[in-house]
Amino acid sequence: MPQQTFREYHSEFEDLSSSYDDESMKKNLAMEQKIAELSSQVEDSRVRERRRDIEYAVLRLN
């Protein structure tokens, strides 16, 4: 089995590292998008809850 030179080994390692970084970046982006989506859903839910509370308060006054 031929021995790799340091540069060959380093080059292969960098390729693996770049591939890992790309995959990590994709996963991070997907998680950030999911967090943004869920945060938006939470805010929508809070708005609906506030509206419901206001409507309930108005009904109680009548």
N, C-alpha and C. Protein backbone atom coordinates (compact mmCIF):
# COMPACT_ATOMS: atom_id res chain seq x y z
N MET A 1 0.85 -1.18 0.00
CA MET A 1 0.00 0.00 0.00
C MET A 1 0.89 1.24 0.00
N PRO A 2 0.75 2.06 -1.00
CA PRO A 2 1.63 3.24 -1.05
C PRO A 2 1.28 4.22 0.07
N GLN A 3 2.29 4.86 0.54
CA GLN A 3 2.07 5.85 1.59
C GLN A 3 1.68 7.17 0.95
N GLN A 4 0.76 7.84 1.60
CA GLN A 4 0.35 9.16 1.12
C GLN A 4 1.32 10.20 1.64
N THR A 5 1.54 11.18 0.82
CA THR A 5 2.31 12.31 1.31
C THR A 5 1.41 13.13 2.21
N PHE A 6 2.01 13.96 2.99
CA PHE A 6 1.24 14.81 3.89
C PHE A 6 0.26 15.67 3.10
N ARG A 7 0.72 16.21 1.98
CA ARG A 7 -0.15 17.08 1.18
C ARG A 7 -1.36 16.32 0.63
N GLU A 8 -1.15 15.09 0.19
CA GLU A 8 -2.27 14.30 -0.31
C GLU A 8 -3.28 14.04 0.82
N TYR A 9 -2.75 13.65 1.97
CA TYR A 9 -3.61 13.37 3.12
C TYR A 9 -4.36 14.64 3.53
N HIS A 10 -3.62 15.75 3.60
CA HIS A 10 -4.22 17.02 3.99
C HIS A 10 -5.31 17.42 3.00
N SER A 11 -5.04 17.23 1.71
CA SER A 11 -6.01 17.59 0.68
C SER A 11 -7.28 16.76 0.84
N GLU A 12 -7.14 15.45 1.07
CA GLU A 12 -8.32 14.60 1.28
C GLU A 12 -9.08 15.03 2.52
N PHE A 13 -8.36 15.36 3.56
CA PHE A 13 -9.00 15.80 4.80
C PHE A 13 -9.77 17.09 4.57
N GLU A 14 -9.19 18.02 3.83
CA GLU A 14 -9.89 19.28 3.53
C GLU A 14 -11.16 19.02 2.73
N ASP A 15 -11.09 18.08 1.77
CA ASP A 15 -12.28 17.75 1.00
C ASP A 15 -13.37 17.20 1.91
N LEU A 16 -13.00 16.31 2.82
CA LEU A 16 -13.97 15.77 3.77
C LEU A 16 -14.52 16.87 4.65
N SER A 17 -13.64 17.75 5.10
CA SER A 17 -14.05 18.84 5.96
C SER A 17 -15.01 19.77 5.23
N SER A 18 -14.72 20.08 3.98
CA SER A 18 -15.60 20.95 3.19
C SER A 18 -16.96 20.30 3.00
N SER A 19 -16.93 19.00 2.72
CA SER A 19 -18.18 18.28 2.55
C SER A 19 -18.98 18.29 3.84
N TYR A 20 -18.31 18.08 4.96
CA TYR A 20 -18.98 18.11 6.26
C TYR A 20 -19.53 19.50 6.53
N ASP A 21 -18.74 20.52 6.23
CA ASP A 21 -19.19 21.89 6.44
C ASP A 21 -20.42 22.20 5.60
N ASP A 22 -20.42 21.75 4.35
CA ASP A 22 -21.58 21.97 3.48
C ASP A 22 -22.82 21.29 4.07
N GLU A 23 -22.64 20.06 4.51
CA GLU A 23 -23.77 19.32 5.09
C GLU A 23 -24.24 19.99 6.37
N SER A 24 -23.29 20.43 7.19
CA SER A 24 -23.65 21.12 8.43
C SER A 24 -24.40 22.42 8.13
N MET A 25 -23.92 23.14 7.13
CA MET A 25 -24.57 24.40 6.77
C MET A 25 -26.00 24.15 6.29
N LYS A 26 -26.19 23.08 5.51
CA LYS A 26 -27.53 22.75 5.04
C LYS A 26 -28.45 22.40 6.21
N LYS A 27 -27.92 21.61 7.14
CA LYS A 27 -28.72 21.24 8.31
C LYS A 27 -29.05 22.47 9.15
N ASN A 28 -28.06 23.33 9.35
CA ASN A 28 -28.30 24.55 10.13
C ASN A 28 -29.34 25.44 9.45
N LEU A 29 -29.25 25.58 8.14
CA LEU A 29 -30.21 26.39 7.41
C LEU A 29 -31.62 25.81 7.55
N ALA A 30 -31.72 24.49 7.43
CA ALA A 30 -33.03 23.84 7.58
C ALA A 30 -33.58 24.07 8.99
N MET A 31 -32.72 23.97 9.99
CA MET A 31 -33.17 24.20 11.36
C MET A 31 -33.58 25.65 11.57
N GLU A 32 -32.82 26.59 11.01
CA GLU A 32 -33.16 28.01 11.14
C GLU A 32 -34.51 28.29 10.48
N GLN A 33 -34.74 27.67 9.32
CA GLN A 33 -36.03 27.87 8.63
C GLN A 33 -37.17 27.29 9.46
N LYS A 34 -36.95 26.12 10.05
CA LYS A 34 -37.99 25.51 10.88
C LYS A 34 -38.26 26.36 12.12
N ILE A 35 -37.21 26.89 12.72
CA ILE A 35 -37.37 27.76 13.89
C ILE A 35 -38.17 29.00 13.51
N ALA A 36 -37.86 29.59 12.36
CA ALA A 36 -38.60 30.77 11.90
C ALA A 36 -40.06 30.43 11.67
N GLU A 37 -40.31 29.27 11.06
CA GLU A 37 -41.69 28.84 10.80
C GLU A 37 -42.45 28.63 12.12
N LEU A 38 -41.82 27.94 13.06
CA LEU A 38 -42.48 27.69 14.34
C LEU A 38 -42.68 28.98 15.13
N SER A 39 -41.71 29.88 15.07
CA SER A 39 -41.84 31.17 15.75
C SER A 39 -43.02 31.95 15.19
N SER A 40 -43.17 31.91 13.88
CA SER A 40 -44.29 32.58 13.23
C SER A 40 -45.62 31.97 13.68
N GLN A 41 -45.65 30.66 13.78
CA GLN A 41 -46.87 29.99 14.24
C GLN A 41 -47.20 30.37 15.68
N VAL A 42 -46.17 30.47 16.51
CA VAL A 42 -46.39 30.87 17.90
C VAL A 42 -46.95 32.28 17.95
N GLU A 43 -46.38 33.18 17.17
CA GLU A 43 -46.87 34.56 17.16
C GLU A 43 -48.31 34.62 16.66
N ASP A 44 -48.62 33.86 15.62
CA ASP A 44 -50.00 33.81 15.12
C ASP A 44 -50.94 33.32 16.21
N SER A 45 -50.51 32.32 16.93
CA SER A 45 -51.33 31.77 18.02
C SER A 45 -51.55 32.81 19.12
N ARG A 46 -50.51 33.56 19.43
CA ARG A 46 -50.64 34.61 20.46
C ARG A 46 -51.62 35.70 20.01
N VAL A 47 -51.56 36.05 18.73
CA VAL A 47 -52.48 37.06 18.20
C VAL A 47 -53.92 36.55 18.31
N ARG A 48 -54.15 35.30 17.92
CA ARG A 48 -55.50 34.73 18.03
C ARG A 48 -55.96 34.70 19.49
N GLU A 49 -55.06 34.36 20.39
CA GLU A 49 -55.40 34.31 21.81
C GLU A 49 -55.78 35.70 22.32
N ARG A 50 -55.00 36.71 21.92
CA ARG A 50 -55.32 38.09 22.35
C ARG A 50 -56.69 38.51 21.82
N ARG A 51 -56.97 38.20 20.56
CA ARG A 51 -58.28 38.54 19.98
C ARG A 51 -59.40 37.85 20.74
N ARG A 52 -59.19 36.57 21.04
CA ARG A 52 -60.21 35.82 21.78
C ARG A 52 -60.44 36.43 23.16
N ASP A 53 -59.34 36.80 23.83
CA ASP A 53 -59.46 37.42 25.16
C ASP A 53 -60.23 38.74 25.09
N ILE A 54 -59.95 39.53 24.06
CA ILE A 54 -60.65 40.81 23.90
C ILE A 54 -62.14 40.56 23.63
N GLU A 55 -62.43 39.61 22.74
CA GLU A 55 -63.83 39.30 22.44
C GLU A 55 -64.55 38.81 23.70
N TYR A 56 -63.89 38.00 24.49
CA TYR A 56 -64.49 37.49 25.72
C TYR A 56 -64.76 38.64 26.69
N ALA A 57 -63.80 39.55 26.81
CA ALA A 57 -63.97 40.69 27.71
C ALA A 57 -65.14 41.56 27.26
N VAL A 58 -65.27 41.76 25.95
CA VAL A 58 -66.38 42.55 25.42
C VAL A 58 -67.71 41.86 25.72
N LEU A 59 -67.77 40.55 25.53
CA LEU A 59 -69.00 39.80 25.80
C LEU A 59 -69.40 39.89 27.28
N ARG A 60 -68.40 39.86 28.15
CA ARG A 60 -68.68 39.95 29.59
C ARG A 60 -69.26 41.30 29.96
N LEU A 61 -68.87 42.34 29.24
CA LEU A 61 -69.37 43.69 29.54
C LEU A 61 -70.81 43.87 29.09
N ASN A 62 -71.24 43.09 28.12
CA ASN A 62 -72.61 43.25 27.59
C ASN A 62 -73.62 42.51 28.40
